[in-house]
């Protein structure tokens, strides 16, 4: 499998095109979603991924679709798996 680019982690996508332009930090974002601080921090730093529940929340807050967020996660995961598989060979 050959990808032309390495997909960004959904947390990067959340931070760069959504939170940064709004000058909205993780804590303020939490107020909109009603989720734990740790959950958002882990997502933004890339140590956890988007779950279906998170996708629903982000879709509502940012007027996107849940599929948009889940696709970001899937593309990221597939890219990582392909890299790992290539390195294993």
N, C-alpha and C. Protein backbone atom coordinates (compact mmCIF):
# COMPACT_ATOMS: atom_id res chain seq x y z
N UNK A 1 0.84 -1.18 0.00
CA UNK A 1 0.00 0.00 0.00
C UNK A 1 0.88 1.23 0.00
N UNK A 2 0.63 2.14 -0.90
CA UNK A 2 1.43 3.35 -1.00
C UNK A 2 0.52 4.55 -0.84
N UNK A 3 0.85 5.39 0.12
CA UNK A 3 0.07 6.60 0.33
C UNK A 3 0.91 7.80 -0.09
N UNK A 4 0.27 8.79 -0.67
CA UNK A 4 0.98 9.98 -1.09
C UNK A 4 1.30 10.90 0.08
N UNK A 5 0.61 10.74 1.15
CA UNK A 5 0.83 11.55 2.33
C UNK A 5 0.55 10.72 3.57
N UNK A 6 1.04 11.18 4.67
CA UNK A 6 0.74 10.52 5.93
C UNK A 6 -0.41 11.30 6.56
N UNK A 7 -1.55 10.66 6.75
CA UNK A 7 -2.70 11.37 7.34
C UNK A 7 -2.38 11.90 8.73
N UNK A 8 -2.93 13.06 9.03
CA UNK A 8 -2.75 13.64 10.35
C UNK A 8 -3.63 12.90 11.35
N UNK A 9 -3.16 12.85 12.57
CA UNK A 9 -3.96 12.29 13.65
C UNK A 9 -5.18 13.20 13.84
N UNK A 10 -6.35 12.61 14.13
CA UNK A 10 -7.56 13.43 14.32
C UNK A 10 -7.39 14.52 15.37
N UNK A 11 -6.55 14.30 16.36
CA UNK A 11 -6.29 15.34 17.36
C UNK A 11 -5.61 16.55 16.76
N UNK A 12 -4.69 16.33 15.80
CA UNK A 12 -4.06 17.45 15.09
C UNK A 12 -5.09 18.19 14.26
N UNK A 13 -5.96 17.44 13.61
CA UNK A 13 -7.01 18.05 12.79
C UNK A 13 -7.93 18.86 13.69
N UNK A 14 -8.25 18.36 14.83
CA UNK A 14 -9.10 19.09 15.78
C UNK A 14 -8.42 20.38 16.20
N UNK A 15 -7.14 20.31 16.52
CA UNK A 15 -6.43 21.47 17.03
C UNK A 15 -6.17 22.52 15.96
N UNK A 16 -5.55 22.12 14.86
CA UNK A 16 -5.08 23.11 13.89
C UNK A 16 -6.20 23.83 13.13
N UNK A 17 -7.05 23.13 12.38
CA UNK A 17 -8.06 23.90 11.65
C UNK A 17 -9.31 24.29 12.44
N UNK A 18 -9.51 23.70 13.61
CA UNK A 18 -10.73 24.00 14.36
C UNK A 18 -10.48 24.85 15.61
N UNK A 19 -9.65 24.36 16.52
CA UNK A 19 -9.46 25.08 17.78
C UNK A 19 -8.56 26.30 17.64
N UNK A 20 -7.43 26.16 16.95
CA UNK A 20 -6.49 27.28 16.84
C UNK A 20 -7.12 28.53 16.23
N UNK A 21 -7.80 28.42 15.08
CA UNK A 21 -8.41 29.64 14.51
C UNK A 21 -9.45 30.29 15.44
N UNK A 22 -10.09 29.48 16.24
CA UNK A 22 -11.09 30.01 17.18
C UNK A 22 -10.43 30.52 18.46
N UNK A 23 -9.10 30.30 18.54
CA UNK A 23 -8.35 30.61 19.76
C UNK A 23 -9.03 29.94 20.95
N UNK A 24 -9.40 28.67 20.74
CA UNK A 24 -10.11 27.89 21.75
C UNK A 24 -9.19 26.78 22.24
N UNK A 25 -8.91 26.77 23.51
CA UNK A 25 -8.09 25.72 24.08
C UNK A 25 -8.93 24.51 24.47
N UNK A 26 -8.23 23.49 24.92
CA UNK A 26 -8.90 22.26 25.31
C UNK A 26 -9.92 22.43 26.41
N UNK A 27 -9.63 23.29 27.37
CA UNK A 27 -10.54 23.48 28.50
C UNK A 27 -11.85 24.11 28.03
N UNK A 28 -11.75 25.14 27.21
CA UNK A 28 -12.96 25.78 26.70
C UNK A 28 -13.77 24.81 25.84
N UNK A 29 -13.05 24.00 25.07
CA UNK A 29 -13.70 23.00 24.23
C UNK A 29 -14.46 21.99 25.10
N UNK A 30 -13.87 21.65 26.24
CA UNK A 30 -14.53 20.71 27.17
C UNK A 30 -15.89 21.24 27.61
N UNK A 31 -15.98 22.53 27.83
CA UNK A 31 -17.24 23.12 28.26
C UNK A 31 -18.34 22.88 27.22
N UNK A 32 -17.95 22.92 25.94
CA UNK A 32 -18.92 22.69 24.87
C UNK A 32 -19.35 21.23 24.79
N UNK A 33 -18.43 20.33 25.12
CA UNK A 33 -18.71 18.90 24.96
C UNK A 33 -19.14 18.19 26.22
N UNK A 34 -18.71 18.69 27.36
CA UNK A 34 -19.02 18.02 28.60
C UNK A 34 -18.27 16.70 28.76
N UNK A 35 -17.00 16.66 28.31
CA UNK A 35 -16.18 15.45 28.47
C UNK A 35 -14.98 15.77 29.35
N UNK A 36 -14.30 14.73 29.79
CA UNK A 36 -13.20 14.92 30.73
C UNK A 36 -12.00 15.61 30.08
N UNK A 37 -11.30 16.35 30.89
CA UNK A 37 -10.10 17.07 30.44
C UNK A 37 -9.06 16.11 29.90
N UNK A 38 -8.87 14.99 30.59
CA UNK A 38 -7.88 14.00 30.18
C UNK A 38 -8.19 13.45 28.79
N UNK A 39 -9.45 13.21 28.53
CA UNK A 39 -9.87 12.65 27.24
C UNK A 39 -9.49 13.58 26.08
N UNK A 40 -9.76 14.87 26.23
CA UNK A 40 -9.43 15.84 25.18
C UNK A 40 -7.92 16.02 25.07
N UNK A 41 -7.22 16.10 26.19
CA UNK A 41 -5.76 16.28 26.15
C UNK A 41 -5.10 15.11 25.44
N UNK A 42 -5.53 13.89 25.72
CA UNK A 42 -4.96 12.71 25.06
C UNK A 42 -5.23 12.71 23.56
N UNK A 43 -6.42 13.15 23.19
CA UNK A 43 -6.75 13.22 21.77
C UNK A 43 -5.87 14.25 21.06
N UNK A 44 -5.76 15.44 21.63
CA UNK A 44 -4.98 16.50 21.00
C UNK A 44 -3.50 16.14 20.91
N UNK A 45 -2.97 15.47 21.92
CA UNK A 45 -1.55 15.09 21.86
C UNK A 45 -1.31 13.83 21.03
N UNK A 46 -2.38 13.18 20.59
CA UNK A 46 -2.24 12.02 19.72
C UNK A 46 -2.07 10.69 20.41
N UNK A 47 -2.27 10.64 21.72
CA UNK A 47 -2.09 9.37 22.42
C UNK A 47 -3.38 8.55 22.50
N UNK A 48 -4.50 9.13 22.06
CA UNK A 48 -5.74 8.37 21.94
C UNK A 48 -6.43 8.80 20.66
N UNK A 49 -7.40 8.02 20.25
CA UNK A 49 -8.08 8.29 18.99
C UNK A 49 -9.52 8.68 19.18
N UNK A 50 -10.17 8.92 18.06
CA UNK A 50 -11.59 9.28 18.03
C UNK A 50 -12.43 8.02 18.19
N UNK A 51 -13.38 8.06 19.08
CA UNK A 51 -14.34 6.98 19.24
C UNK A 51 -15.64 7.42 18.56
N UNK A 52 -16.55 6.49 18.29
CA UNK A 52 -17.83 6.91 17.71
C UNK A 52 -18.54 7.98 18.55
N UNK A 53 -18.49 7.84 19.86
CA UNK A 53 -19.12 8.83 20.74
C UNK A 53 -18.47 10.20 20.55
N UNK A 54 -17.14 10.24 20.50
CA UNK A 54 -16.43 11.50 20.28
C UNK A 54 -16.78 12.08 18.92
N UNK A 55 -16.88 11.22 17.91
CA UNK A 55 -17.21 11.67 16.56
C UNK A 55 -18.58 12.36 16.54
N UNK A 56 -19.52 11.80 17.27
CA UNK A 56 -20.85 12.41 17.35
C UNK A 56 -20.78 13.80 18.00
N UNK A 57 -20.01 13.90 19.07
CA UNK A 57 -19.86 15.19 19.76
C UNK A 57 -19.21 16.23 18.86
N UNK A 58 -18.11 15.86 18.21
CA UNK A 58 -17.38 16.81 17.36
C UNK A 58 -18.22 17.23 16.16
N UNK A 59 -18.97 16.30 15.63
CA UNK A 59 -19.84 16.62 14.49
C UNK A 59 -20.87 17.68 14.90
N UNK A 60 -21.42 17.52 16.07
CA UNK A 60 -22.42 18.47 16.55
C UNK A 60 -21.81 19.85 16.79
N UNK A 61 -20.67 19.90 17.44
CA UNK A 61 -20.03 21.16 17.79
C UNK A 61 -19.52 21.91 16.56
N UNK A 62 -18.94 21.19 15.61
CA UNK A 62 -18.29 21.83 14.46
C UNK A 62 -19.10 21.75 13.17
N UNK A 63 -20.34 21.32 13.25
CA UNK A 63 -21.21 21.22 12.08
C UNK A 63 -20.58 20.39 10.96
N UNK A 64 -20.04 19.25 11.35
CA UNK A 64 -19.50 18.28 10.39
C UNK A 64 -20.36 17.03 10.52
N UNK A 65 -19.85 15.92 10.03
CA UNK A 65 -20.56 14.66 10.20
C UNK A 65 -19.73 13.74 11.08
N UNK A 66 -20.35 12.79 11.75
CA UNK A 66 -19.57 11.81 12.51
C UNK A 66 -18.64 11.02 11.59
N UNK A 67 -19.09 10.75 10.36
CA UNK A 67 -18.27 10.00 9.42
C UNK A 67 -16.97 10.73 9.10
N UNK A 68 -17.01 12.05 9.05
CA UNK A 68 -15.80 12.84 8.81
C UNK A 68 -14.73 12.50 9.85
N UNK A 69 -15.12 12.53 11.11
CA UNK A 69 -14.17 12.27 12.20
C UNK A 69 -13.73 10.80 12.23
N UNK A 70 -14.66 9.90 11.97
CA UNK A 70 -14.31 8.48 11.96
C UNK A 70 -13.39 8.16 10.77
N UNK A 71 -13.63 8.81 9.63
CA UNK A 71 -12.75 8.61 8.47
C UNK A 71 -11.34 9.10 8.75
N UNK A 72 -11.22 10.23 9.44
CA UNK A 72 -9.89 10.72 9.82
C UNK A 72 -9.16 9.66 10.66
N UNK A 73 -9.88 9.09 11.62
CA UNK A 73 -9.26 8.09 12.49
C UNK A 73 -8.89 6.84 11.70
N UNK A 74 -9.79 6.38 10.85
CA UNK A 74 -9.54 5.18 10.05
C UNK A 74 -8.34 5.39 9.13
N UNK A 75 -8.28 6.52 8.44
CA UNK A 75 -7.15 6.80 7.55
C UNK A 75 -5.84 6.83 8.31
N UNK A 76 -5.84 7.43 9.49
CA UNK A 76 -4.65 7.49 10.32
C UNK A 76 -4.24 6.07 10.75
N UNK A 77 -5.20 5.30 11.22
CA UNK A 77 -4.91 3.94 11.68
C UNK A 77 -4.38 3.05 10.56
N UNK A 78 -4.97 3.14 9.38
CA UNK A 78 -4.53 2.32 8.24
C UNK A 78 -3.12 2.72 7.84
N UNK A 79 -2.84 4.00 7.82
CA UNK A 79 -1.50 4.47 7.48
C UNK A 79 -0.47 3.94 8.47
N UNK A 80 -0.79 4.00 9.74
CA UNK A 80 0.13 3.49 10.78
C UNK A 80 0.34 1.98 10.64
N UNK A 81 -0.74 1.26 10.38
CA UNK A 81 -0.64 -0.19 10.20
C UNK A 81 0.20 -0.53 8.98
N UNK A 82 0.03 0.22 7.88
CA UNK A 82 0.81 -0.02 6.67
C UNK A 82 2.29 0.26 6.91
N UNK A 83 2.58 1.32 7.64
CA UNK A 83 3.97 1.64 7.97
C UNK A 83 4.59 0.51 8.81
N UNK A 84 3.84 0.05 9.78
CA UNK A 84 4.35 -1.00 10.65
C UNK A 84 4.58 -2.29 9.85
N UNK A 85 3.65 -2.62 8.98
CA UNK A 85 3.76 -3.82 8.17
C UNK A 85 4.98 -3.72 7.25
N UNK A 86 5.19 -2.56 6.64
CA UNK A 86 6.34 -2.34 5.76
C UNK A 86 7.64 -2.49 6.53
N UNK A 87 7.67 -1.98 7.73
CA UNK A 87 8.88 -2.05 8.56
C UNK A 87 9.14 -3.48 9.06
N UNK A 88 8.09 -4.28 9.17
CA UNK A 88 8.25 -5.65 9.64
C UNK A 88 8.84 -6.56 8.57
N UNK A 89 8.69 -6.16 7.30
CA UNK A 89 9.17 -6.99 6.21
C UNK A 89 10.57 -6.70 5.95
